[in-house]
């Protein structure tokens, strides 16, 4: 209701409530509404597996089993054929799953390859830890560790071939693989030197030299398929590690 005596200009600016509501409805109808984003397509494969986010570790036992099957299949296929000849189709056929399932867990063949390099590092460290557990003397630990490494290589020849190929396929992963081992090795040798178990020397050079011995012997067994019993190889290599090449006797 308008007040008597209100200025004419004020009366002109006021609108009827019903008319104002009609104007608001027209304005809202003319304003474009934001569209809802469409859900991203889910890769082909079992629904239970598609619940696992890509790039994240599986949250279910079934998802972890599927991822593990793909990794194991990739180890066999890439180890046998080489990275360039191995295909995602061959990997998924070996794993017994659809190609779409592969992309739930890995973005590309390069990613699964890099994961295998990391896997090799984890498994080797675990094998060496078990082989050298409760062996306080460094020289004895060297022998047990070399035996543990060569036993591991004999059991995982495809994985070892993948490490060799990583130098060309994924140089960064290859470098990280050996650098991490060298760092731990150097620290262990420094502790042994401080304890008087080995004579003083450059622990960094020694670490890389000892790693080189193990790597070459592993390559000899896997790539060149040498059948010399592991025990004999370890005895000969350990004799070299302990005594070097210098003739035994009274010579300095």
C-alpha atoms as a PDB file:
ATOM      1  CA  UNK A   1       0.000   0.000   0.000  1.00  0.00           C
ATOM      2  CA  UNK A   2       1.375   3.383  -0.923  1.00  0.00           C
ATOM      3  CA  UNK A   3       1.509   6.218   1.533  1.00  0.00           C
ATOM      4  CA  UNK A   4      -0.430   9.366   0.774  1.00  0.00           C
ATOM      5  CA  UNK A   5       1.872  12.212  -0.020  1.00  0.00           C
ATOM      6  CA  UNK A   6       4.722  10.064  -1.298  1.00  0.00           C
ATOM      7  CA  UNK A   7       6.796  11.766  -4.005  1.00  0.00           C
ATOM      8  CA  UNK A   8       5.737  10.999  -7.544  1.00  0.00           C
ATOM      9  CA  UNK A   9       9.228   9.736  -8.423  1.00  0.00           C
ATOM     10  CA  UNK A  10       9.134   7.257  -5.553  1.00  0.00           C
ATOM     11  CA  UNK A  11       5.756   5.985  -6.659  1.00  0.00           C
ATOM     12  CA  UNK A  12       7.079   5.499 -10.165  1.00  0.00           C
ATOM     13  CA  UNK A  13      10.007   3.411  -8.913  1.00  0.00           C
ATOM     14  CA  UNK A  14       7.812   1.052  -6.846  1.00  0.00           C
ATOM     15  CA  UNK A  15       6.341  -2.073  -8.465  1.00  0.00           C
ATOM     16  CA  UNK A  16       3.498  -4.356  -7.647  1.00  0.00           C
ATOM     17  CA  UNK A  17       4.787  -7.494  -5.769  1.00  0.00           C
ATOM     18  CA  UNK A  18       3.042  -9.802  -8.251  1.00  0.00           C
ATOM     19  CA  UNK A  19       4.664  -8.092 -11.204  1.00  0.00           C
ATOM     20  CA  UNK A  20       8.055  -8.228  -9.508  1.00  0.00           C
ATOM     21  CA  UNK A  21       7.768 -11.984  -8.963  1.00  0.00           C
ATOM     22  CA  UNK A  22       6.817 -12.523 -12.618  1.00  0.00           C
ATOM     23  CA  UNK A  23       9.899 -10.543 -13.669  1.00  0.00           C
ATOM     24  CA  UNK A  24      12.182 -12.708 -11.480  1.00  0.00           C
ATOM     25  CA  UNK A  25      10.733 -15.909 -12.939  1.00  0.00           C
ATOM     26  CA  UNK A  26      11.364 -14.686 -16.496  1.00  0.00           C
ATOM     27  CA  UNK A  27      14.941 -13.674 -15.595  1.00  0.00           C
ATOM     28  CA  UNK A  28      15.735 -17.035 -13.996  1.00  0.00           C
ATOM     29  CA  UNK A  29      14.278 -18.916 -16.958  1.00  0.00           C
ATOM     30  CA  UNK A  30      16.464 -16.934 -19.369  1.00  0.00           C
ATOM     31  CA  UNK A  31      19.660 -17.514 -17.347  1.00  0.00           C
ATOM     32  CA  UNK A  32      21.577 -20.592 -18.592  1.00  0.00           C
ATOM     33  CA  UNK A  33      22.082 -23.251 -15.948  1.00  0.00           C
ATOM     34  CA  UNK A  34      25.483 -25.009 -15.559  1.00  0.00           C
ATOM     35  CA  UNK A  35      25.490 -28.510 -16.956  1.00  0.00           C
ATOM     36  CA  UNK A  36      26.424 -31.456 -14.758  1.00  0.00           C
ATOM     37  CA  UNK A  37      29.764 -33.004 -15.654  1.00  0.00           C
ATOM     38  CA  UNK A  38      29.507 -36.413 -17.254  1.00  0.00           C
ATOM     39  CA  UNK A  39      31.060 -39.304 -15.364  1.00  0.00           C
ATOM     40  CA  UNK A  40      34.363 -40.501 -16.793  1.00  0.00           C
ATOM     41  CA  UNK A  41      34.067 -43.755 -18.722  1.00  0.00           C
ATOM     42  CA  UNK A  42      35.147 -46.843 -16.802  1.00  0.00           C
ATOM     43  CA  UNK A  43      37.657 -49.104 -18.590  1.00  0.00           C
ATOM     44  CA  UNK A  44      36.410 -52.496 -19.666  1.00  0.00           C
ATOM     45  CA  UNK A  45      36.764 -55.288 -17.147  1.00  0.00           C
ATOM     46  CA  UNK A  46      35.034 -56.736 -14.099  1.00  0.00           C
ATOM     47  CA  UNK A  47      33.014 -54.183 -12.140  1.00  0.00           C
ATOM     48  CA  UNK A  48      34.662 -55.133  -8.857  1.00  0.00           C
ATOM     49  CA  UNK A  49      38.077 -54.310 -10.302  1.00  0.00           C
ATOM     50  CA  UNK A  50      36.934 -50.996 -11.788  1.00  0.00           C
ATOM     51  CA  UNK A  51      36.334 -49.707  -8.259  1.00  0.00           C
ATOM     52  CA  UNK A  52      40.097 -49.474  -7.746  1.00  0.00           C
ATOM     53  CA  UNK A  53      41.303 -45.912  -8.606  1.00  0.00           C
ATOM     54  CA  UNK A  54      43.922 -45.787 -11.332  1.00  0.00           C
ATOM     55  CA  UNK A  55      47.392 -45.024  -9.986  1.00  0.00           C
ATOM     56  CA  UNK A  56      46.437 -46.075  -6.438  1.00  0.00           C
ATOM     57  CA  UNK A  57      47.268 -49.344  -4.745  1.00  0.00           C
ATOM     58  CA  UNK A  58      44.307 -51.780  -4.778  1.00  0.00           C
ATOM     59  CA  UNK A  59      42.054 -51.642  -1.729  1.00  0.00           C
ATOM     60  CA  UNK A  60      40.642 -55.147  -2.018  1.00  0.00           C
ATOM     61  CA  UNK A  61      42.187 -58.590  -1.988  1.00  0.00           C
ATOM     62  CA  UNK A  62      40.724 -59.258  -5.423  1.00  0.00           C
ATOM     63  CA  UNK A  63      42.192 -56.054  -6.816  1.00  0.00           C
ATOM     64  CA  UNK A  64      45.615 -56.832  -5.379  1.00  0.00           C
ATOM     65  CA  UNK A  65      45.462 -60.351  -6.823  1.00  0.00           C
ATOM     66  CA  UNK A  66      44.634 -58.953 -10.267  1.00  0.00           C
ATOM     67  CA  UNK A  67      47.427 -56.398 -10.100  1.00  0.00           C
ATOM     68  CA  UNK A  68      49.839 -59.087  -8.963  1.00  0.00           C
ATOM     69  CA  UNK A  69      48.786 -61.344 -11.850  1.00  0.00           C
ATOM     70  CA  UNK A  70      49.463 -58.531 -14.339  1.00  0.00           C
ATOM     71  CA  UNK A  71      52.905 -57.860 -12.846  1.00  0.00           C
ATOM     72  CA  UNK A  72      53.817 -61.551 -12.904  1.00  0.00           C
ATOM     73  CA  UNK A  73      52.627 -61.848 -16.495  1.00  0.00           C
ATOM     74  CA  UNK A  74      54.576 -58.729 -17.488  1.00  0.00           C
ATOM     75  CA  UNK A  75      57.683 -60.194 -15.867  1.00  0.00           C
ATOM     76  CA  UNK A  76      57.389 -63.351 -17.961  1.00  0.00           C
ATOM     77  CA  UNK A  77      56.413 -61.679 -21.250  1.00  0.00           C
ATOM     78  CA  UNK A  78      58.891 -58.774 -21.134  1.00  0.00           C
ATOM     79  CA  UNK A  79      61.624 -61.015 -19.748  1.00  0.00           C
ATOM     80  CA  UNK A  80      61.168 -63.478 -22.613  1.00  0.00           C
ATOM     81  CA  UNK A  81      60.463 -61.129 -25.532  1.00  0.00           C
ATOM     82  CA  UNK A  82      62.147 -57.904 -24.484  1.00  0.00           C
ATOM     83  CA  UNK A  83      60.408 -54.586 -23.896  1.00  0.00           C
ATOM     84  CA  UNK A  84      59.952 -53.514 -27.517  1.00  0.00           C
ATOM     85  CA  UNK A  85      58.484 -56.855 -28.649  1.00  0.00           C
ATOM     86  CA  UNK A  86      56.204 -57.342 -25.644  1.00  0.00           C
ATOM     87  CA  UNK A  87      52.682 -55.949 -26.036  1.00  0.00           C
ATOM     88  CA  UNK A  88      49.990 -55.117 -23.516  1.00  0.00           C
ATOM     89  CA  UNK A  89      47.778 -57.645 -25.282  1.00  0.00           C
ATOM     90  CA  UNK A  90      50.346 -60.381 -24.741  1.00  0.00           C
ATOM     91  CA  UNK A  91      50.668 -59.387 -21.080  1.00  0.00           C
ATOM     92  CA  UNK A  92      46.925 -59.459 -20.443  1.00  0.00           C
ATOM     93  CA  UNK A  93      46.527 -62.763 -22.277  1.00  0.00           C
ATOM     94  CA  UNK A  94      49.242 -64.214 -20.075  1.00  0.00           C
ATOM     95  CA  UNK A  95      47.533 -62.763 -17.004  1.00  0.00           C
ATOM     96  CA  UNK A  96      44.113 -64.034 -18.100  1.00  0.00           C
ATOM     97  CA  UNK A  97      42.365 -60.647 -18.013  1.00  0.00           C
ATOM     98  CA  UNK A  98      40.980 -58.039 -20.427  1.00  0.00           C
ATOM     99  CA  UNK A  99      43.166 -55.245 -21.800  1.00  0.00           C
ATOM    100  CA  UNK A 100      40.876 -52.730 -20.123  1.00  0.00           C
ATOM    101  CA  UNK A 101      41.717 -54.266 -16.774  1.00  0.00           C
ATOM    102  CA  UNK A 102      45.405 -53.513 -17.382  1.00  0.00           C
ATOM    103  CA  UNK A 103      44.655 -49.772 -17.548  1.00  0.00           C
ATOM    104  CA  UNK A 104      42.927 -49.817 -14.179  1.00  0.00           C
ATOM    105  CA  UNK A 105      46.288 -50.511 -12.561  1.00  0.00           C
ATOM    106  CA  UNK A 106      48.888 -49.175 -15.025  1.00  0.00           C
ATOM    107  CA  UNK A 107      48.827 -46.284 -17.470  1.00  0.00           C
ATOM    108  CA  UNK A 108      51.213 -47.811 -19.996  1.00  0.00           C
ATOM    109  CA  UNK A 109      53.697 -50.565 -20.746  1.00  0.00           C
ATOM    110  CA  UNK A 110      56.437 -48.181 -19.586  1.00  0.00           C
ATOM    111  CA  UNK A 111      54.796 -47.835 -16.176  1.00  0.00           C
ATOM    112  CA  UNK A 112      54.499 -51.581 -15.612  1.00  0.00           C
ATOM    113  CA  UNK A 113      58.140 -51.960 -16.681  1.00  0.00           C
ATOM    114  CA  UNK A 114      59.274 -49.350 -14.150  1.00  0.00           C
ATOM    115  CA  UNK A 115      57.226 -51.100 -11.470  1.00  0.00           C
ATOM    116  CA  UNK A 116      59.033 -54.347 -12.258  1.00  0.00           C
ATOM    117  CA  UNK A 117      62.394 -52.617 -11.733  1.00  0.00           C
ATOM    118  CA  UNK A 118      61.188 -51.412  -8.334  1.00  0.00           C
ATOM    119  CA  UNK A 119      59.880 -54.899  -7.624  1.00  0.00           C
ATOM    120  CA  UNK A 120      63.292 -56.384  -8.360  1.00  0.00           C
ATOM    121  CA  UNK A 121      64.894 -53.982  -5.923  1.00  0.00           C
ATOM    122  CA  UNK A 122      62.419 -54.820  -3.157  1.00  0.00           C
ATOM    123  CA  UNK A 123      62.711 -58.563  -3.656  1.00  0.00           C
ATOM    124  CA  UNK A 124      66.516 -58.565  -3.828  1.00  0.00           C
ATOM    125  CA  UNK A 125      66.821 -56.496  -0.654  1.00  0.00           C
ATOM    126  CA  UNK A 126      64.457 -58.883   1.107  1.00  0.00           C
ATOM    127  CA  UNK A 127      66.414 -61.915  -0.125  1.00  0.00           C
ATOM    128  CA  UNK A 128      69.733 -60.422   0.985  1.00  0.00           C
ATOM    129  CA  UNK A 129      68.339 -59.458   4.379  1.00  0.00           C
ATOM    130  CA  UNK A 130      67.145 -63.009   4.930  1.00  0.00           C
ATOM    131  CA  UNK A 131      70.401 -64.515   3.664  1.00  0.00           C
ATOM    132  CA  UNK A 132      72.616 -62.410   5.939  1.00  0.00           C
ATOM    133  CA  UNK A 133      70.405 -62.331   9.039  1.00  0.00           C
ATOM    134  CA  UNK A 134      72.274 -63.079  12.282  1.00  0.00           C
ATOM    135  CA  UNK A 135      75.702 -63.098  10.556  1.00  0.00           C
ATOM    136  CA  UNK A 136      77.771 -60.488  12.425  1.00  0.00           C
ATOM    137  CA  UNK A 137      81.079 -60.919  10.551  1.00  0.00           C
ATOM    138  CA  UNK A 138      81.270 -58.879   7.341  1.00  0.00           C
ATOM    139  CA  UNK A 139      83.264 -61.388   5.312  1.00  0.00           C
ATOM    140  CA  UNK A 140      80.886 -64.196   6.217  1.00  0.00           C
ATOM    141  CA  UNK A 141      77.973 -61.919   5.360  1.00  0.00           C
ATOM    142  CA  UNK A 142      79.546 -61.194   1.961  1.00  0.00           C
ATOM    143  CA  UNK A 143      79.585 -64.881   1.120  1.00  0.00           C
ATOM    144  CA  UNK A 144      76.042 -65.493   2.351  1.00  0.00           C
ATOM    145  CA  UNK A 145      74.797 -62.397   0.533  1.00  0.00           C
ATOM    146  CA  UNK A 146      76.371 -63.415  -2.768  1.00  0.00           C
ATOM    147  CA  UNK A 147      74.842 -66.877  -2.446  1.00  0.00           C
ATOM    148  CA  UNK A 148      71.450 -65.356  -1.674  1.00  0.00           C
ATOM    149  CA  UNK A 149      71.678 -63.047  -4.689  1.00  0.00           C
ATOM    150  CA  UNK A 150      72.630 -65.791  -7.146  1.00  0.00           C
ATOM    151  CA  UNK A 151      69.910 -68.064  -5.796  1.00  0.00           C
ATOM    152  CA  UNK A 152      67.427 -65.249  -6.319  1.00  0.00           C
ATOM    153  CA  UNK A 153      68.641 -64.622  -9.870  1.00  0.00           C
ATOM    154  CA  UNK A 154      68.322 -68.317 -10.683  1.00  0.00           C
ATOM    155  CA  UNK A 155      64.716 -68.244  -9.455  1.00  0.00           C
ATOM    156  CA  UNK A 156      63.830 -64.985 -11.293  1.00  0.00           C
ATOM    157  CA  UNK A 157      65.732 -64.981 -14.608  1.00  0.00           C
ATOM    158  CA  UNK A 158      63.078 -62.924 -16.421  1.00  0.00           C
ATOM    159  CA  UNK A 159      63.169 -60.220 -13.767  1.00  0.00           C
ATOM    160  CA  UNK A 160      66.956 -60.108 -13.998  1.00  0.00           C
ATOM    161  CA  UNK A 161      66.750 -59.638 -17.793  1.00  0.00           C
ATOM    162  CA  UNK A 162      64.396 -56.734 -17.210  1.00  0.00           C
ATOM    163  CA  UNK A 163      66.965 -55.049 -14.968  1.00  0.00           C
ATOM    164  CA  UNK A 164      69.561 -55.420 -17.719  1.00  0.00           C
ATOM    165  CA  UNK A 165      67.194 -53.851 -20.267  1.00  0.00           C
ATOM    166  CA  UNK A 166      66.266 -50.999 -17.921  1.00  0.00           C
ATOM    167  CA  UNK A 167      69.544 -49.286 -18.827  1.00  0.00           C
ATOM    168  CA  UNK A 168      67.980 -48.468 -22.206  1.00  0.00           C
ATOM    169  CA  UNK A 169      64.243 -48.483 -21.457  1.00  0.00           C
ATOM    170  CA  UNK A 170      64.219 -46.547 -18.159  1.00  0.00           C
ATOM    171  CA  UNK A 171      67.706 -45.179 -17.350  1.00  0.00           C
ATOM    172  CA  UNK A 172      66.417 -43.263 -14.315  1.00  0.00           C
ATOM    173  CA  UNK A 173      64.991 -46.421 -12.734  1.00  0.00           C
ATOM    174  CA  UNK A 174      68.171 -48.328 -13.598  1.00  0.00           C
ATOM    175  CA  UNK A 175      70.299 -45.666 -11.941  1.00  0.00           C
ATOM    176  CA  UNK A 176      68.067 -45.526  -8.868  1.00  0.00           C
ATOM    177  CA  UNK A 177      68.144 -49.318  -8.551  1.00  0.00           C
ATOM    178  CA  UNK A 178      71.933 -49.518  -8.320  1.00  0.00           C
ATOM    179  CA  UNK A 179      72.426 -46.231  -6.457  1.00  0.00           C
ATOM    180  CA  UNK A 180      70.151 -47.339  -3.627  1.00  0.00           C
ATOM    181  CA  UNK A 181      72.079 -50.597  -3.289  1.00  0.00           C
ATOM    182  CA  UNK A 182      75.421 -48.776  -3.381  1.00  0.00           C
ATOM    183  CA  UNK A 183      74.363 -46.419  -0.598  1.00  0.00           C
ATOM    184  CA  UNK A 184      73.390 -49.251   1.750  1.00  0.00           C
ATOM    185  CA  UNK A 185      76.441 -51.298   0.790  1.00  0.00           C
ATOM    186  CA  UNK A 186      78.810 -48.396   1.449  1.00  0.00           C
ATOM    187  CA  UNK A 187      77.293 -47.847   4.882  1.00  0.00           C
ATOM    188  CA  UNK A 188      77.637 -51.544   5.806  1.00  0.00           C
ATOM    189  CA  UNK A 189      81.274 -51.614   4.706  1.00  0.00           C
ATOM    190  CA  UNK A 190      82.024 -48.461   6.704  1.00  0.00           C
ATOM    191  CA  UNK A 191      80.530 -50.077   9.813  1.00  0.00           C
ATOM    192  CA  UNK A 192      82.609 -53.233   9.228  1.00  0.00           C
ATOM    193  CA  UNK A 193      85.751 -51.140   8.805  1.00  0.00           C
ATOM    194  CA  UNK A 194      85.040 -49.276  12.039  1.00  0.00           C
ATOM    195  CA  UNK A 195      84.563 -52.620  13.809  1.00  0.00           C
ATOM    196  CA  UNK A 196      87.924 -53.878  12.515  1.00  0.00           C
ATOM    197  CA  UNK A 197      86.343 -56.655  10.414  1.00  0.00           C
ATOM    198  CA  UNK A 198      87.877 -55.410   7.134  1.00  0.00           C
ATOM    199  CA  UNK A 199      90.957 -53.316   6.471  1.00  0.00           C
ATOM    200  CA  UNK A 200      90.561 -49.584   5.799  1.00  0.00           C
ATOM    201  CA  UNK A 201      89.790 -48.515   2.237  1.00  0.00           C
ATOM    202  CA  UNK A 202      87.472 -46.533  -0.013  1.00  0.00           C
ATOM    203  CA  UNK A 203      84.054 -47.907   0.931  1.00  0.00           C
ATOM    204  CA  UNK A 204      82.322 -46.322  -2.047  1.00  0.00           C
ATOM    205  CA  UNK A 205      84.639 -47.904  -4.633  1.00  0.00           C
ATOM    206  CA  UNK A 206      84.501 -51.199  -2.774  1.00  0.00           C
ATOM    207  CA  UNK A 207      80.697 -51.162  -2.764  1.00  0.00           C
ATOM    208  CA  UNK A 208      80.497 -50.653  -6.524  1.00  0.00           C
ATOM    209  CA  UNK A 209      83.220 -53.244  -7.164  1.00  0.00           C
ATOM    210  CA  UNK A 210      81.461 -55.876  -5.070  1.00  0.00           C
ATOM    211  CA  UNK A 211      78.157 -55.060  -6.750  1.00  0.00           C
ATOM    212  CA  UNK A 212      79.902 -55.458 -10.089  1.00  0.00           C
ATOM    213  CA  UNK A 213      81.060 -58.954  -9.168  1.00  0.00           C
ATOM    214  CA  UNK A 214      77.539 -60.012  -8.215  1.00  0.00           C
ATOM    215  CA  UNK A 215      75.998 -58.386 -11.296  1.00  0.00           C
ATOM    216  CA  UNK A 216      78.473 -60.041 -13.695  1.00  0.00           C
ATOM    217  CA  UNK A 217      78.010 -63.464 -12.128  1.00  0.00           C
ATOM    218  CA  UNK A 218      74.245 -63.075 -12.306  1.00  0.00           C
ATOM    219  CA  UNK A 219      74.516 -62.112 -15.963  1.00  0.00           C
ATOM    220  CA  UNK A 220      76.757 -65.118 -16.595  1.00  0.00           C
ATOM    221  CA  UNK A 221      74.146 -67.424 -15.104  1.00  0.00           C
ATOM    222  CA  UNK A 222      71.066 -65.892 -16.767  1.00  0.00           C
ATOM    223  CA  UNK A 223      72.172 -64.352 -20.079  1.00  0.00           C
ATOM    224  CA  UNK A 224      74.895 -66.877 -20.927  1.00  0.00           C
ATOM    225  CA  UNK A 225      73.066 -69.718 -19.177  1.00  0.00           C
ATOM    226  CA  UNK A 226      76.110 -70.938 -17.297  1.00  0.00           C
ATOM    227  CA  UNK A 227      75.377 -74.142 -15.392  1.00  0.00           C
ATOM    228  CA  UNK A 228      78.221 -74.066 -12.888  1.00  0.00           C
ATOM    229  CA  UNK A 229      76.766 -74.928  -9.462  1.00  0.00           C
ATOM    230  CA  UNK A 230      76.078 -71.798  -7.441  1.00  0.00           C
ATOM    231  CA  UNK A 231      78.103 -73.091  -4.478  1.00  0.00           C
ATOM    232  CA  UNK A 232      81.232 -73.400  -6.642  1.00  0.00           C
ATOM    233  CA  UNK A 233      80.745 -69.923  -8.095  1.00  0.00           C
ATOM    234  CA  UNK A 234      80.306 -68.427  -4.637  1.00  0.00           C
ATOM    235  CA  UNK A 235      83.402 -70.183  -3.244  1.00  0.00           C
ATOM    236  CA  UNK A 236      85.601 -68.910  -6.096  1.00  0.00           C
ATOM    237  CA  UNK A 237      84.240 -65.367  -5.927  1.00  0.00           C
ATOM    238  CA  UNK A 238      84.476 -65.208  -2.138  1.00  0.00           C
ATOM    239  CA  UNK A 239      88.086 -66.356  -2.251  1.00  0.00           C
ATOM    240  CA  UNK A 240      88.780 -63.417  -4.582  1.00  0.00           C
ATOM    241  CA  UNK A 241      86.918 -61.013  -2.300  1.00  0.00           C
ATOM    242  CA  UNK A 242      88.774 -62.132   0.819  1.00  0.00           C
ATOM    243  CA  UNK A 243      92.274 -62.678  -0.562  1.00  0.00           C
ATOM    244  CA  UNK A 244      92.407 -60.692  -3.797  1.00  0.00           C
ATOM    245  CA  UNK A 245      94.781 -61.679  -6.593  1.00  0.00           C
ATOM    246  CA  UNK A 246      97.997 -61.329  -4.681  1.00  0.00           C
ATOM    247  CA  UNK A 247      99.939 -64.620  -4.306  1.00  0.00           C
ATOM    248  CA  UNK A 248      99.697 -66.044  -0.840  1.00  0.00           C
ATOM    249  CA  UNK A 249     102.880 -66.058   1.192  1.00  0.00           C
ATOM    250  CA  UNK A 250     105.088 -63.576   2.960  1.00  0.00           C
ATOM    251  CA  UNK A 251     105.046 -60.971   0.179  1.00  0.00           C
ATOM    252  CA  UNK A 252     103.600 -57.587   1.259  1.00  0.00           C
END
